[in-house]
Amino acid sequence: MKKPLPRGIRNNNPGNIRLSKTRWLGQRSFQFDPAFVEFDDPIMGLRALMRLLLTYQVKYGLDTVESLINRYAPPHENATDAYVHHVAKALAVGRRDRIDVTLPDTLQKIARAVTRHENGRPYAGYPPDWYSGETYARALARLTQNA
């Protein structure tokens, strides 16, 4: 029997962004999942994840892995300490070191780390961070679009 894909991968929402009043570009017109956004394709889900991380830095001044992840995955819902450790390690920085997610390379690295943390270790046949480098790059290129 084939193992089912993680919810975030099935929903094309690798960051497991919760449903809210926000209507995301590329969000499916009908949502079957009652809690998490479903996107038309993984590029749009990754784009939304990157957009959120950028917003956290630009609008709220969050510039460390610890502050970004505490906002993205609050302690009342997640094992945030382990999450912060995993993402900081993936970026090869300390949890309180300043990072700049406006830099494309940093934004892609943190999106990869969040994707892996949210969805677990990829199954055999999948890239190490669930998607190819090209998929992350295409999502980054779509960031200039609204919503």
C-alpha atoms as a PDB file:
ATOM      1  CA  MET A   1       0.000   0.000   0.000  1.00  0.00           C
ATOM      2  CA  LYS A   2       1.314   3.425  -0.971  1.00  0.00           C
ATOM      3  CA  LYS A   3       1.898   5.906   1.848  1.00  0.00           C
ATOM      4  CA  PRO A   4      -0.333   9.016   1.544  1.00  0.00           C
ATOM      5  CA  LEU A   5       1.416  12.311   0.921  1.00  0.00           C
ATOM      6  CA  PRO A   6       1.543  14.818   3.794  1.00  0.00           C
ATOM      7  CA  ARG A   7      -1.361  17.254   3.929  1.00  0.00           C
ATOM      8  CA  GLY A   8       0.761  20.238   2.874  1.00  0.00           C
ATOM      9  CA  ILE A   9       2.008  18.434  -0.235  1.00  0.00           C
ATOM     10  CA  ARG A  10      -1.492  17.145  -1.122  1.00  0.00           C
ATOM     11  CA  ASN A  11      -2.882  20.695  -0.786  1.00  0.00           C
ATOM     12  CA  ASN A  12      -0.015  22.252  -2.789  1.00  0.00           C
ATOM     13  CA  ASN A  13       0.466  24.256   0.416  1.00  0.00           C
ATOM     14  CA  PRO A  14       3.891  23.136   1.654  1.00  0.00           C
ATOM     15  CA  GLY A  15       3.916  25.804   4.374  1.00  0.00           C
ATOM     16  CA  ASN A  16       0.543  24.627   5.725  1.00  0.00           C
ATOM     17  CA  ILE A  17      -0.907  28.136   5.624  1.00  0.00           C
ATOM     18  CA  ARG A  18      -4.200  28.221   7.482  1.00  0.00           C
ATOM     19  CA  LEU A  19      -7.420  29.354   5.871  1.00  0.00           C
ATOM     20  CA  SER A  20      -8.241  32.969   6.702  1.00  0.00           C
ATOM     21  CA  LYS A  21      -9.906  36.007   5.161  1.00  0.00           C
ATOM     22  CA  THR A  22      -6.887  36.363   2.864  1.00  0.00           C
ATOM     23  CA  ARG A  23      -7.611  35.210  -0.664  1.00  0.00           C
ATOM     24  CA  TRP A  24      -4.279  34.032  -2.088  1.00  0.00           C
ATOM     25  CA  LEU A  25      -3.285  34.192  -5.716  1.00  0.00           C
ATOM     26  CA  GLY A  26      -3.547  30.621  -7.002  1.00  0.00           C
ATOM     27  CA  GLN A  27      -5.897  29.517  -4.215  1.00  0.00           C
ATOM     28  CA  ARG A  28      -8.362  26.916  -5.441  1.00  0.00           C
ATOM     29  CA  SER A  29     -11.842  28.302  -5.925  1.00  0.00           C
ATOM     30  CA  PHE A  30     -13.319  25.524  -3.796  1.00  0.00           C
ATOM     31  CA  GLN A  31     -11.577  24.458  -0.605  1.00  0.00           C
ATOM     32  CA  PHE A  32     -12.120  20.871   0.547  1.00  0.00           C
ATOM     33  CA  ASP A  33      -9.741  21.159   3.495  1.00  0.00           C
ATOM     34  CA  PRO A  34     -11.569  22.915   6.349  1.00  0.00           C
ATOM     35  CA  ALA A  35      -8.408  24.276   7.997  1.00  0.00           C
ATOM     36  CA  PHE A  36      -5.653  24.857   5.439  1.00  0.00           C
ATOM     37  CA  VAL A  37      -5.491  26.685   2.112  1.00  0.00           C
ATOM     38  CA  GLU A  38      -5.436  24.551  -1.021  1.00  0.00           C
ATOM     39  CA  PHE A  39      -3.524  25.928  -4.013  1.00  0.00           C
ATOM     40  CA  ASP A  40      -3.768  25.116  -7.705  1.00  0.00           C
ATOM     41  CA  ASP A  41      -0.125  24.060  -7.811  1.00  0.00           C
ATOM     42  CA  PRO A  42       2.921  23.935  -5.522  1.00  0.00           C
ATOM     43  CA  ILE A  43       4.486  27.023  -7.104  1.00  0.00           C
ATOM     44  CA  MET A  44       1.617  29.166  -5.855  1.00  0.00           C
ATOM     45  CA  GLY A  45       1.743  27.547  -2.418  1.00  0.00           C
ATOM     46  CA  LEU A  46       5.478  28.219  -2.161  1.00  0.00           C
ATOM     47  CA  ARG A  47       4.916  31.758  -3.414  1.00  0.00           C
ATOM     48  CA  ALA A  48       2.401  32.356  -0.614  1.00  0.00           C
ATOM     49  CA  LEU A  49       4.846  30.976   1.964  1.00  0.00           C
ATOM     50  CA  MET A  50       7.609  33.273   0.690  1.00  0.00           C
ATOM     51  CA  ARG A  51       5.240  36.241   0.646  1.00  0.00           C
ATOM     52  CA  LEU A  52       4.293  35.634   4.294  1.00  0.00           C
ATOM     53  CA  LEU A  53       7.942  35.430   5.354  1.00  0.00           C
ATOM     54  CA  LEU A  54       8.732  38.637   3.473  1.00  0.00           C
ATOM     55  CA  THR A  55       5.774  40.386   5.078  1.00  0.00           C
ATOM     56  CA  TYR A  56       6.934  39.309   8.529  1.00  0.00           C
ATOM     57  CA  GLN A  57      10.305  40.913   7.916  1.00  0.00           C
ATOM     58  CA  VAL A  58       9.313  44.031   5.969  1.00  0.00           C
ATOM     59  CA  LYS A  59       6.114  44.943   7.834  1.00  0.00           C
ATOM     60  CA  TYR A  60       6.871  43.632  11.323  1.00  0.00           C
ATOM     61  CA  GLY A  61      10.674  43.862  11.428  1.00  0.00           C
ATOM     62  CA  LEU A  62      11.205  40.184  12.228  1.00  0.00           C
ATOM     63  CA  ASP A  63      14.763  39.431  11.185  1.00  0.00           C
ATOM     64  CA  THR A  64      15.874  36.290  13.009  1.00  0.00           C
ATOM     65  CA  VAL A  65      14.894  32.667  12.481  1.00  0.00           C
ATOM     66  CA  GLU A  66      13.514  32.650  16.020  1.00  0.00           C
ATOM     67  CA  SER A  67      11.275  35.702  15.532  1.00  0.00           C
ATOM     68  CA  LEU A  68      10.069  34.601  12.088  1.00  0.00           C
ATOM     69  CA  ILE A  69       9.206  31.058  13.146  1.00  0.00           C
ATOM     70  CA  ASN A  70       7.588  32.189  16.396  1.00  0.00           C
ATOM     71  CA  ARG A  71       5.238  34.318  14.295  1.00  0.00           C
ATOM     72  CA  TYR A  72       4.776  31.729  11.542  1.00  0.00           C
ATOM     73  CA  ALA A  73       4.292  28.711  13.813  1.00  0.00           C
ATOM     74  CA  PRO A  74       3.286  30.061  17.240  1.00  0.00           C
ATOM     75  CA  PRO A  75       4.253  28.086  20.346  1.00  0.00           C
ATOM     76  CA  HIS A  76       0.606  27.473  21.305  1.00  0.00           C
ATOM     77  CA  GLU A  77       0.221  25.422  18.086  1.00  0.00           C
ATOM     78  CA  ASN A  78       3.695  23.973  17.524  1.00  0.00           C
ATOM     79  CA  ALA A  79       6.892  22.663  19.068  1.00  0.00           C
ATOM     80  CA  THR A  80       8.433  25.979  18.085  1.00  0.00           C
ATOM     81  CA  ASP A  81      11.804  25.438  19.736  1.00  0.00           C
ATOM     82  CA  ALA A  82      12.492  22.353  17.596  1.00  0.00           C
ATOM     83  CA  TYR A  83      11.155  24.189  14.530  1.00  0.00           C
ATOM     84  CA  VAL A  84      13.501  27.145  15.122  1.00  0.00           C
ATOM     85  CA  HIS A  85      16.441  24.783  15.644  1.00  0.00           C
ATOM     86  CA  HIS A  86      15.713  22.924  12.398  1.00  0.00           C
ATOM     87  CA  VAL A  87      15.365  26.082  10.292  1.00  0.00           C
ATOM     88  CA  ALA A  88      18.430  27.788  11.814  1.00  0.00           C
ATOM     89  CA  LYS A  89      20.496  24.665  11.151  1.00  0.00           C
ATOM     90  CA  ALA A  90      19.273  24.519   7.531  1.00  0.00           C
ATOM     91  CA  LEU A  91      20.315  28.166   7.064  1.00  0.00           C
ATOM     92  CA  ALA A  92      23.607  27.616   8.938  1.00  0.00           C
ATOM     93  CA  VAL A  93      22.876  30.524  11.301  1.00  0.00           C
ATOM     94  CA  GLY A  94      22.166  30.926  14.984  1.00  0.00           C
ATOM     95  CA  ARG A  95      18.545  31.174  16.053  1.00  0.00           C
ATOM     96  CA  ARG A  96      18.969  34.866  16.949  1.00  0.00           C
ATOM     97  CA  ASP A  97      21.368  35.837  14.147  1.00  0.00           C
ATOM     98  CA  ARG A  98      19.972  38.484  11.838  1.00  0.00           C
ATOM     99  CA  ILE A  99      18.900  37.237   8.431  1.00  0.00           C
ATOM    100  CA  ASP A 100      17.596  39.110   5.423  1.00  0.00           C
ATOM    101  CA  VAL A 101      14.754  37.301   3.695  1.00  0.00           C
ATOM    102  CA  THR A 102      14.642  40.022   1.037  1.00  0.00           C
ATOM    103  CA  LEU A 103      17.721  38.272  -0.378  1.00  0.00           C
ATOM    104  CA  PRO A 104      16.467  35.650  -2.867  1.00  0.00           C
ATOM    105  CA  ASP A 105      18.908  32.959  -1.744  1.00  0.00           C
ATOM    106  CA  THR A 106      17.958  33.378   1.925  1.00  0.00           C
ATOM    107  CA  LEU A 107      14.239  33.398   1.131  1.00  0.00           C
ATOM    108  CA  GLN A 108      14.521  30.188  -0.885  1.00  0.00           C
ATOM    109  CA  LYS A 109      16.572  28.505   1.850  1.00  0.00           C
ATOM    110  CA  ILE A 110      14.082  29.360   4.574  1.00  0.00           C
ATOM    111  CA  ALA A 111      11.152  28.285   2.358  1.00  0.00           C
ATOM    112  CA  ARG A 112      12.908  24.934   1.784  1.00  0.00           C
ATOM    113  CA  ALA A 113      13.488  24.477   5.515  1.00  0.00           C
ATOM    114  CA  VAL A 114       9.888  25.360   6.414  1.00  0.00           C
ATOM    115  CA  THR A 115       8.601  22.994   3.716  1.00  0.00           C
ATOM    116  CA  ARG A 116      10.711  20.145   5.040  1.00  0.00           C
ATOM    117  CA  HIS A 117       9.769  20.832   8.644  1.00  0.00           C
ATOM    118  CA  GLU A 118       6.053  21.125   7.908  1.00  0.00           C
ATOM    119  CA  ASN A 119       5.917  17.979   5.772  1.00  0.00           C
ATOM    120  CA  GLY A 120       8.636  15.772   7.199  1.00  0.00           C
ATOM    121  CA  ARG A 121      11.322  13.865   5.353  1.00  0.00           C
ATOM    122  CA  PRO A 122      10.474  13.478   1.656  1.00  0.00           C
ATOM    123  CA  TYR A 123       9.617  10.000   0.432  1.00  0.00           C
ATOM    124  CA  ALA A 124      11.882   8.064  -1.915  1.00  0.00           C
ATOM    125  CA  GLY A 125      11.827   9.601  -5.371  1.00  0.00           C
ATOM    126  CA  TYR A 126      11.238  13.157  -4.126  1.00  0.00           C
ATOM    127  CA  PRO A 127      13.914  15.883  -3.936  1.00  0.00           C
ATOM    128  CA  PRO A 128      15.399  16.563  -0.453  1.00  0.00           C
ATOM    129  CA  ASP A 129      13.040  19.515   0.161  1.00  0.00           C
ATOM    130  CA  TRP A 130       9.994  17.963  -1.584  1.00  0.00           C
ATOM    131  CA  TYR A 131      10.388  20.128  -4.720  1.00  0.00           C
ATOM    132  CA  SER A 132      13.130  20.827  -7.226  1.00  0.00           C
ATOM    133  CA  GLY A 133      15.277  23.930  -7.064  1.00  0.00           C
ATOM    134  CA  GLU A 134      13.527  25.083 -10.232  1.00  0.00           C
ATOM    135  CA  THR A 135      10.145  24.944  -8.470  1.00  0.00           C
ATOM    136  CA  TYR A 136      11.412  27.150  -5.629  1.00  0.00           C
ATOM    137  CA  ALA A 137      12.955  29.549  -8.162  1.00  0.00           C
ATOM    138  CA  ARG A 138       9.684  29.755 -10.133  1.00  0.00           C
ATOM    139  CA  ALA A 139       7.782  30.515  -6.920  1.00  0.00           C
ATOM    140  CA  LEU A 140      10.260  33.264  -6.113  1.00  0.00           C
ATOM    141  CA  ALA A 141       9.805  34.734  -9.588  1.00  0.00           C
ATOM    142  CA  ARG A 142       6.011  34.929  -8.989  1.00  0.00           C
ATOM    143  CA  LEU A 143       6.409  37.091  -5.865  1.00  0.00           C
ATOM    144  CA  THR A 144       5.845  40.334  -7.731  1.00  0.00           C
ATOM    145  CA  GLN A 145       2.196  39.377  -8.212  1.00  0.00           C
ATOM    146  CA  ASN A 146      -0.340  40.637  -5.678  1.00  0.00           C
ATOM    147  CA  ALA A 147      -2.110  38.733  -2.870  1.00  0.00           C
END
